[in-house]
């Protein structure tokens, strides 16, 4: 009974959909958050994760293969604060060009795009004029 609970610890349950085609996972270092061996952060020695950092920065973290038994020093983190093109080039260099995990290049760039989009701040320009007629109270 205990093994069954451990296997389903990170699974996200979806109710009301019957047989869902996708099964999501909450485990760390999983770029797509999908329950699959390829994207698993626990089953693979080499993992990649991209998360928002402080002050509108993006943190790219890769796992060190020789530190698997030391969780405190497991991840190598690099903080990126440049524009999106430079960050995407850095992610491509780290993930695919260095032959770290070239199969995760597309997932890493998709995650970088989503995180970068969430960090954008809306421009505070001139307020839009109300085009509806303003009703003045007291006039006929």
N, C-alpha and C. Protein backbone atom coordinates (compact mmCIF):
# COMPACT_ATOMS: atom_id res chain seq x y z
N UNK A 1 0.82 -1.20 0.00
CA UNK A 1 0.00 0.00 0.00
C UNK A 1 0.86 1.26 0.00
N UNK A 2 1.99 1.23 0.70
CA UNK A 2 2.87 2.39 0.78
C UNK A 2 3.51 2.73 -0.56
N UNK A 3 3.87 1.71 -1.35
CA UNK A 3 4.49 1.95 -2.65
C UNK A 3 3.53 2.64 -3.59
N UNK A 4 2.29 2.27 -3.55
CA UNK A 4 1.27 2.87 -4.41
C UNK A 4 1.10 4.35 -4.10
N UNK A 5 1.14 4.70 -2.81
CA UNK A 5 0.99 6.10 -2.42
C UNK A 5 2.19 6.92 -2.85
N UNK A 6 3.40 6.34 -2.76
CA UNK A 6 4.60 7.05 -3.16
C UNK A 6 4.63 7.31 -4.66
N UNK A 7 4.13 6.39 -5.45
CA UNK A 7 4.12 6.56 -6.89
C UNK A 7 3.15 7.66 -7.31
N UNK A 8 2.08 7.84 -6.57
CA UNK A 8 1.07 8.82 -6.94
C UNK A 8 1.20 10.12 -6.16
N UNK A 9 2.30 10.31 -5.48
CA UNK A 9 2.47 11.49 -4.64
C UNK A 9 2.43 12.78 -5.45
N UNK A 10 3.06 12.81 -6.62
CA UNK A 10 3.16 14.02 -7.41
C UNK A 10 2.07 14.15 -8.47
N UNK A 11 1.21 13.16 -8.63
CA UNK A 11 0.20 13.21 -9.67
C UNK A 11 -0.90 14.20 -9.32
N UNK A 12 -1.37 14.91 -10.34
CA UNK A 12 -2.46 15.87 -10.17
C UNK A 12 -3.74 15.19 -10.64
N UNK A 13 -4.69 15.08 -9.75
CA UNK A 13 -5.95 14.42 -10.08
C UNK A 13 -6.87 15.40 -10.80
N UNK A 14 -7.52 14.93 -11.85
CA UNK A 14 -8.49 15.73 -12.59
C UNK A 14 -9.84 15.04 -12.51
N UNK A 15 -10.77 15.69 -11.88
CA UNK A 15 -12.09 15.09 -11.69
C UNK A 15 -13.06 15.62 -12.74
N UNK A 16 -14.02 14.80 -13.11
CA UNK A 16 -15.09 15.24 -14.00
C UNK A 16 -14.79 15.05 -15.47
N UNK A 17 -13.62 14.56 -15.82
CA UNK A 17 -13.29 14.39 -17.23
C UNK A 17 -13.21 12.93 -17.64
N UNK A 18 -13.48 12.03 -16.75
CA UNK A 18 -13.43 10.62 -17.10
C UNK A 18 -12.01 10.17 -17.35
N UNK A 19 -11.71 9.74 -18.56
CA UNK A 19 -10.36 9.31 -18.89
C UNK A 19 -9.64 10.48 -19.55
N UNK A 20 -8.85 11.20 -18.78
CA UNK A 20 -8.12 12.35 -19.31
C UNK A 20 -6.92 11.85 -20.12
N UNK A 21 -6.67 12.51 -21.25
CA UNK A 21 -5.56 12.11 -22.10
C UNK A 21 -4.22 12.49 -21.48
N UNK A 22 -4.18 13.61 -20.76
CA UNK A 22 -2.94 14.07 -20.14
C UNK A 22 -3.00 13.86 -18.64
N UNK A 23 -1.91 13.43 -18.08
CA UNK A 23 -1.81 13.27 -16.64
C UNK A 23 -0.68 14.17 -16.17
N UNK A 24 -1.00 15.14 -15.32
CA UNK A 24 -0.03 16.13 -14.89
C UNK A 24 0.68 15.70 -13.62
N UNK A 25 1.86 16.31 -13.40
CA UNK A 25 2.68 15.98 -12.25
C UNK A 25 3.18 17.26 -11.59
N UNK A 26 3.38 17.21 -10.26
CA UNK A 26 3.85 18.38 -9.51
C UNK A 26 5.32 18.29 -9.14
N UNK A 27 6.03 17.30 -9.65
CA UNK A 27 7.41 17.12 -9.24
C UNK A 27 8.30 18.25 -9.75
N UNK A 28 9.38 18.52 -9.03
CA UNK A 28 10.29 19.60 -9.42
C UNK A 28 11.14 19.15 -10.60
N UNK A 29 11.71 20.11 -11.30
CA UNK A 29 12.58 19.88 -12.47
C UNK A 29 11.85 19.18 -13.61
N UNK A 30 10.56 19.42 -13.73
CA UNK A 30 9.76 18.84 -14.80
C UNK A 30 9.24 20.01 -15.64
N UNK A 31 9.79 20.20 -16.85
CA UNK A 31 9.49 21.38 -17.65
C UNK A 31 8.03 21.46 -18.08
N UNK A 32 7.46 20.36 -18.53
CA UNK A 32 6.08 20.37 -19.00
C UNK A 32 5.07 20.03 -17.91
N UNK A 33 5.55 19.61 -16.74
CA UNK A 33 4.68 19.15 -15.65
C UNK A 33 3.78 18.00 -16.11
N UNK A 34 4.32 17.14 -16.96
CA UNK A 34 3.60 15.97 -17.43
C UNK A 34 4.14 14.72 -16.74
N UNK A 35 3.28 13.76 -16.51
CA UNK A 35 3.68 12.51 -15.89
C UNK A 35 4.23 11.58 -16.97
N UNK A 36 5.51 11.73 -17.30
CA UNK A 36 6.16 10.86 -18.26
C UNK A 36 7.62 10.69 -17.86
N UNK A 37 8.22 9.61 -18.30
CA UNK A 37 9.61 9.33 -17.94
C UNK A 37 10.54 10.38 -18.53
N UNK A 38 10.27 10.81 -19.75
CA UNK A 38 11.15 11.77 -20.43
C UNK A 38 11.24 13.08 -19.68
N UNK A 39 10.12 13.58 -19.17
CA UNK A 39 10.10 14.88 -18.51
C UNK A 39 10.26 14.78 -17.00
N UNK A 40 10.43 13.60 -16.46
CA UNK A 40 10.50 13.42 -15.02
C UNK A 40 11.77 14.03 -14.44
N UNK A 41 11.62 14.75 -13.34
CA UNK A 41 12.77 15.31 -12.65
C UNK A 41 13.36 14.34 -11.65
N UNK A 42 12.63 13.29 -11.33
CA UNK A 42 13.11 12.30 -10.36
C UNK A 42 13.81 11.13 -11.03
N UNK A 43 13.32 10.72 -12.20
CA UNK A 43 13.84 9.52 -12.84
C UNK A 43 15.11 9.78 -13.64
N UNK A 44 15.35 11.02 -14.06
CA UNK A 44 16.51 11.33 -14.88
C UNK A 44 17.60 12.00 -14.06
N UNK A 45 18.85 11.67 -14.35
CA UNK A 45 19.97 12.28 -13.64
C UNK A 45 20.20 13.71 -14.13
N UNK A 46 20.00 13.94 -15.42
CA UNK A 46 20.17 15.29 -15.98
C UNK A 46 18.80 15.92 -16.16
N UNK A 47 18.56 17.00 -15.44
CA UNK A 47 17.27 17.69 -15.55
C UNK A 47 17.49 19.17 -15.77
N UNK A 48 16.48 19.81 -16.34
CA UNK A 48 16.51 21.25 -16.61
C UNK A 48 15.23 21.84 -16.04
N UNK A 49 15.34 22.99 -15.39
CA UNK A 49 14.16 23.69 -14.93
C UNK A 49 14.35 25.18 -15.14
N UNK A 50 13.25 25.85 -15.47
CA UNK A 50 13.26 27.30 -15.68
C UNK A 50 12.15 27.88 -14.83
N UNK A 51 12.52 28.84 -13.95
CA UNK A 51 11.56 29.43 -13.02
C UNK A 51 11.76 30.93 -12.95
N UNK A 52 10.73 31.67 -12.55
CA UNK A 52 10.92 33.11 -12.34
C UNK A 52 11.78 33.36 -11.11
N UNK A 53 12.62 34.38 -11.20
CA UNK A 53 13.48 34.75 -10.08
C UNK A 53 13.05 36.08 -9.49
N UNK A 54 13.95 36.70 -8.77
CA UNK A 54 13.66 38.00 -8.16
C UNK A 54 13.91 39.11 -9.18
N UNK A 55 13.20 40.21 -9.02
CA UNK A 55 13.38 41.41 -9.85
C UNK A 55 13.26 41.12 -11.34
N UNK A 56 12.19 40.44 -11.73
CA UNK A 56 11.88 40.16 -13.13
C UNK A 56 13.01 39.43 -13.84
N UNK A 57 13.64 38.49 -13.17
CA UNK A 57 14.69 37.68 -13.77
C UNK A 57 14.19 36.25 -13.95
N UNK A 58 14.92 35.49 -14.74
CA UNK A 58 14.59 34.10 -15.00
C UNK A 58 15.76 33.24 -14.52
N UNK A 59 15.46 32.16 -13.81
CA UNK A 59 16.50 31.28 -13.29
C UNK A 59 16.49 29.97 -14.08
N UNK A 60 17.63 29.66 -14.69
CA UNK A 60 17.83 28.40 -15.39
C UNK A 60 18.65 27.50 -14.48
N UNK A 61 18.10 26.35 -14.14
CA UNK A 61 18.80 25.43 -13.23
C UNK A 61 18.95 24.07 -13.91
N UNK A 62 20.18 23.57 -13.89
CA UNK A 62 20.46 22.23 -14.39
C UNK A 62 21.02 21.40 -13.24
N UNK A 63 20.75 20.12 -13.26
CA UNK A 63 21.21 19.27 -12.15
C UNK A 63 22.61 18.75 -12.43
N UNK A 64 23.37 18.62 -11.36
CA UNK A 64 24.72 18.06 -11.45
C UNK A 64 24.61 16.55 -11.26
N UNK A 65 25.16 15.80 -12.18
CA UNK A 65 24.99 14.35 -12.13
C UNK A 65 25.76 13.70 -10.98
N UNK A 66 26.85 14.32 -10.53
CA UNK A 66 27.65 13.72 -9.46
C UNK A 66 27.19 14.13 -8.07
N UNK A 67 26.15 14.96 -7.98
CA UNK A 67 25.66 15.41 -6.68
C UNK A 67 24.25 14.90 -6.40
N UNK A 68 23.89 13.75 -6.95
CA UNK A 68 22.53 13.23 -6.82
C UNK A 68 22.16 12.91 -5.38
N UNK A 69 23.14 12.58 -4.55
CA UNK A 69 22.84 12.24 -3.15
C UNK A 69 22.98 13.43 -2.21
N UNK A 70 23.20 14.64 -2.77
CA UNK A 70 23.31 15.85 -1.95
C UNK A 70 22.30 16.88 -2.48
N UNK A 71 21.09 16.90 -1.99
CA UNK A 71 20.04 17.77 -2.53
C UNK A 71 20.35 19.26 -2.44
N UNK A 72 21.13 19.68 -1.44
CA UNK A 72 21.42 21.10 -1.28
C UNK A 72 22.28 21.63 -2.42
N UNK A 73 23.20 20.82 -2.92
CA UNK A 73 24.09 21.26 -3.99
C UNK A 73 23.79 20.55 -5.31
N UNK A 74 22.57 20.09 -5.48
CA UNK A 74 22.20 19.33 -6.68
C UNK A 74 22.10 20.20 -7.92
N UNK A 75 21.54 21.41 -7.78
CA UNK A 75 21.26 22.24 -8.95
C UNK A 75 22.33 23.30 -9.18
N UNK A 76 22.66 23.52 -10.44
CA UNK A 76 23.51 24.63 -10.84
C UNK A 76 22.59 25.70 -11.41
N UNK A 77 22.48 26.83 -10.71
CA UNK A 77 21.53 27.87 -11.10
C UNK A 77 22.25 29.03 -11.77
N UNK A 78 21.65 29.55 -12.83
CA UNK A 78 22.16 30.76 -13.47
C UNK A 78 20.98 31.71 -13.67
N UNK A 79 21.19 32.97 -13.27
CA UNK A 79 20.14 33.99 -13.32
C UNK A 79 20.31 34.79 -14.61
N UNK A 80 19.21 34.96 -15.34
CA UNK A 80 19.24 35.69 -16.60
C UNK A 80 18.33 36.90 -16.51
N UNK A 81 18.87 38.08 -16.87
CA UNK A 81 18.10 39.32 -16.80
C UNK A 81 18.07 40.07 -18.13
N UNK A 82 18.61 39.50 -19.17
CA UNK A 82 18.69 40.18 -20.46
C UNK A 82 17.36 40.10 -21.20
N UNK A 83 17.36 40.57 -22.44
CA UNK A 83 16.15 40.48 -23.24
C UNK A 83 15.93 39.03 -23.67
N UNK A 84 14.76 38.77 -24.23
CA UNK A 84 14.33 37.39 -24.49
C UNK A 84 15.25 36.67 -25.47
N UNK A 85 15.71 37.36 -26.51
CA UNK A 85 16.55 36.70 -27.51
C UNK A 85 17.84 36.17 -26.90
N UNK A 86 18.46 36.97 -26.04
CA UNK A 86 19.71 36.52 -25.41
C UNK A 86 19.45 35.37 -24.44
N UNK A 87 18.33 35.46 -23.72
CA UNK A 87 18.01 34.37 -22.79
C UNK A 87 17.73 33.07 -23.55
N UNK A 88 17.02 33.17 -24.68
CA UNK A 88 16.73 31.95 -25.44
C UNK A 88 18.01 31.36 -26.03
N UNK A 89 18.93 32.22 -26.43
CA UNK A 89 20.22 31.73 -26.94
C UNK A 89 21.00 31.03 -25.83
N UNK A 90 20.96 31.59 -24.62
CA UNK A 90 21.66 30.98 -23.48
C UNK A 90 21.05 29.63 -23.13
N UNK A 91 19.73 29.54 -23.17
CA UNK A 91 19.06 28.27 -22.87
C UNK A 91 19.40 27.23 -23.94
N UNK A 92 19.40 27.64 -25.20
CA UNK A 92 19.75 26.73 -26.28
C UNK A 92 21.19 26.23 -26.13
N UNK A 93 22.11 27.15 -25.80
CA UNK A 93 23.51 26.76 -25.60
C UNK A 93 23.64 25.78 -24.46
N UNK A 94 22.96 26.05 -23.37
CA UNK A 94 23.11 25.20 -22.17
C UNK A 94 22.47 23.82 -22.36
N UNK A 95 21.30 23.80 -22.97
CA UNK A 95 20.53 22.55 -23.04
C UNK A 95 20.93 21.70 -24.25
N UNK A 96 20.95 22.29 -25.43
CA UNK A 96 21.14 21.51 -26.65
C UNK A 96 22.57 21.51 -27.16
N UNK A 97 23.18 22.69 -27.27
CA UNK A 97 24.49 22.77 -27.89
C UNK A 97 25.59 22.12 -27.05
N UNK A 98 25.44 22.13 -25.73
CA UNK A 98 26.41 21.46 -24.86
C UNK A 98 26.13 19.97 -24.72
N UNK A 99 25.13 19.48 -25.44
CA UNK A 99 24.71 18.08 -25.41
C UNK A 99 24.31 17.65 -24.00
N UNK A 100 23.70 18.58 -23.25
CA UNK A 100 23.26 18.24 -21.90
C UNK A 100 22.00 17.39 -21.99
N UNK A 101 20.91 17.95 -22.52
CA UNK A 101 19.68 17.19 -22.81
C UNK A 101 19.06 17.81 -24.06
N UNK A 102 19.57 17.49 -25.26
CA UNK A 102 19.04 18.11 -26.48
C UNK A 102 17.57 17.78 -26.73
N UNK A 103 17.06 16.70 -26.15
CA UNK A 103 15.65 16.35 -26.35
C UNK A 103 14.72 17.31 -25.61
N UNK A 104 15.25 18.10 -24.67
CA UNK A 104 14.42 19.03 -23.91
C UNK A 104 14.53 20.47 -24.40
N UNK A 105 15.14 20.68 -25.57
CA UNK A 105 15.33 22.05 -26.07
C UNK A 105 13.99 22.75 -26.31
N UNK A 106 13.08 22.08 -26.99
CA UNK A 106 11.78 22.67 -27.31
C UNK A 106 10.99 22.97 -26.04
N UNK A 107 11.02 22.05 -25.09
CA UNK A 107 10.30 22.24 -23.83
C UNK A 107 10.90 23.38 -23.02
N UNK A 108 12.23 23.49 -23.03
CA UNK A 108 12.90 24.55 -22.28
C UNK A 108 12.58 25.92 -22.87
N UNK A 109 12.56 26.02 -24.19
CA UNK A 109 12.24 27.30 -24.82
C UNK A 109 10.77 27.67 -24.61
N UNK A 110 9.89 26.68 -24.62
CA UNK A 110 8.47 26.96 -24.36
C UNK A 110 8.28 27.44 -22.92
N UNK A 111 8.97 26.80 -21.99
CA UNK A 111 8.88 27.21 -20.58
C UNK A 111 9.46 28.60 -20.38
N UNK A 112 10.59 28.90 -21.05
CA UNK A 112 11.20 30.23 -20.97
C UNK A 112 10.25 31.29 -21.50
N UNK A 113 9.58 31.00 -22.60
CA UNK A 113 8.63 31.95 -23.18
C UNK A 113 7.47 32.21 -22.23
N UNK A 114 6.95 31.17 -21.61
CA UNK A 114 5.82 31.33 -20.68
C UNK A 114 6.23 32.11 -19.44
N UNK A 115 7.40 31.80 -18.89
CA UNK A 115 7.87 32.50 -17.69
C UNK A 115 8.16 33.96 -18.01
N UNK A 116 8.80 34.21 -19.16
CA UNK A 116 9.11 35.58 -19.55
C UNK A 116 7.84 36.39 -19.78
N UNK A 117 6.83 35.77 -20.37
CA UNK A 117 5.56 36.46 -20.61
C UNK A 117 4.87 36.79 -19.29
N UNK A 118 5.00 35.92 -18.30
CA UNK A 118 4.36 36.17 -17.01
C UNK A 118 5.06 37.28 -16.24
N UNK A 119 6.33 37.56 -16.56
CA UNK A 119 7.08 38.59 -15.84
C UNK A 119 6.91 39.97 -16.45
N UNK A 120 6.31 40.06 -17.62
CA UNK A 120 6.14 41.36 -18.27
C UNK A 120 5.20 42.24 -17.47
N UNK A 121 5.53 43.53 -17.44
CA UNK A 121 4.69 44.51 -16.75
C UNK A 121 3.98 45.33 -17.81
N UNK A 122 2.68 45.51 -17.64
CA UNK A 122 1.90 46.27 -18.62
C UNK A 122 2.34 47.73 -18.60
N UNK A 123 2.43 48.32 -19.78
CA UNK A 123 2.81 49.73 -19.88
C UNK A 123 1.69 50.59 -19.33
N UNK A 124 2.07 51.60 -18.57
CA UNK A 124 1.06 52.51 -18.03
C UNK A 124 1.06 53.78 -18.88
N UNK A 125 0.31 53.75 -19.95
CA UNK A 125 0.22 54.88 -20.85
C UNK A 125 -0.96 55.77 -20.48
N UNK A 126 -1.41 56.57 -21.45
CA UNK A 126 -2.55 57.44 -21.21
C UNK A 126 -3.80 56.59 -21.04
N UNK A 127 -4.67 57.02 -20.15
CA UNK A 127 -5.91 56.27 -19.92
C UNK A 127 -6.82 56.40 -21.12
N UNK A 128 -7.51 55.32 -21.42
CA UNK A 128 -8.44 55.34 -22.55
C UNK A 128 -9.66 56.18 -22.19
N UNK A 129 -10.09 56.95 -23.17
CA UNK A 129 -11.24 57.81 -22.96
C UNK A 129 -12.52 56.98 -23.00
N UNK A 130 -13.43 57.29 -22.13
CA UNK A 130 -14.71 56.60 -22.11
C UNK A 130 -15.55 57.09 -23.28
N UNK A 131 -15.87 56.22 -24.19
CA UNK A 131 -16.60 56.62 -25.40
C UNK A 131 -18.11 56.58 -25.20
N UNK A 132 -18.54 56.11 -24.06
CA UNK A 132 -19.97 56.12 -23.80
C UNK A 132 -20.39 57.51 -23.32
N UNK A 133 -21.62 57.86 -23.60
CA UNK A 133 -22.11 59.17 -23.17
C UNK A 133 -22.17 59.26 -21.65
N UNK A 134 -21.72 60.38 -21.14
CA UNK A 134 -21.73 60.58 -19.69
C UNK A 134 -23.05 61.23 -19.32
N UNK A 135 -23.73 60.66 -18.37
CA UNK A 135 -25.02 61.16 -17.96
C UNK A 135 -24.82 62.21 -16.88
N UNK A 136 -25.29 63.42 -17.15
CA UNK A 136 -25.16 64.51 -16.19
C UNK A 136 -26.45 64.58 -15.39
N UNK A 137 -26.33 64.49 -14.10
CA UNK A 137 -27.48 64.48 -13.22
C UNK A 137 -27.96 65.92 -13.01
N UNK A 138 -29.28 66.13 -13.10
CA UNK A 138 -29.86 67.45 -12.84
C UNK A 138 -30.26 68.20 -14.09
N UNK A 139 -29.84 67.79 -15.26
CA UNK A 139 -30.22 68.46 -16.50
C UNK A 139 -31.33 67.71 -17.19
N UNK A 140 -32.13 68.44 -17.93
CA UNK A 140 -33.20 67.82 -18.70
C UNK A 140 -33.03 68.08 -20.17
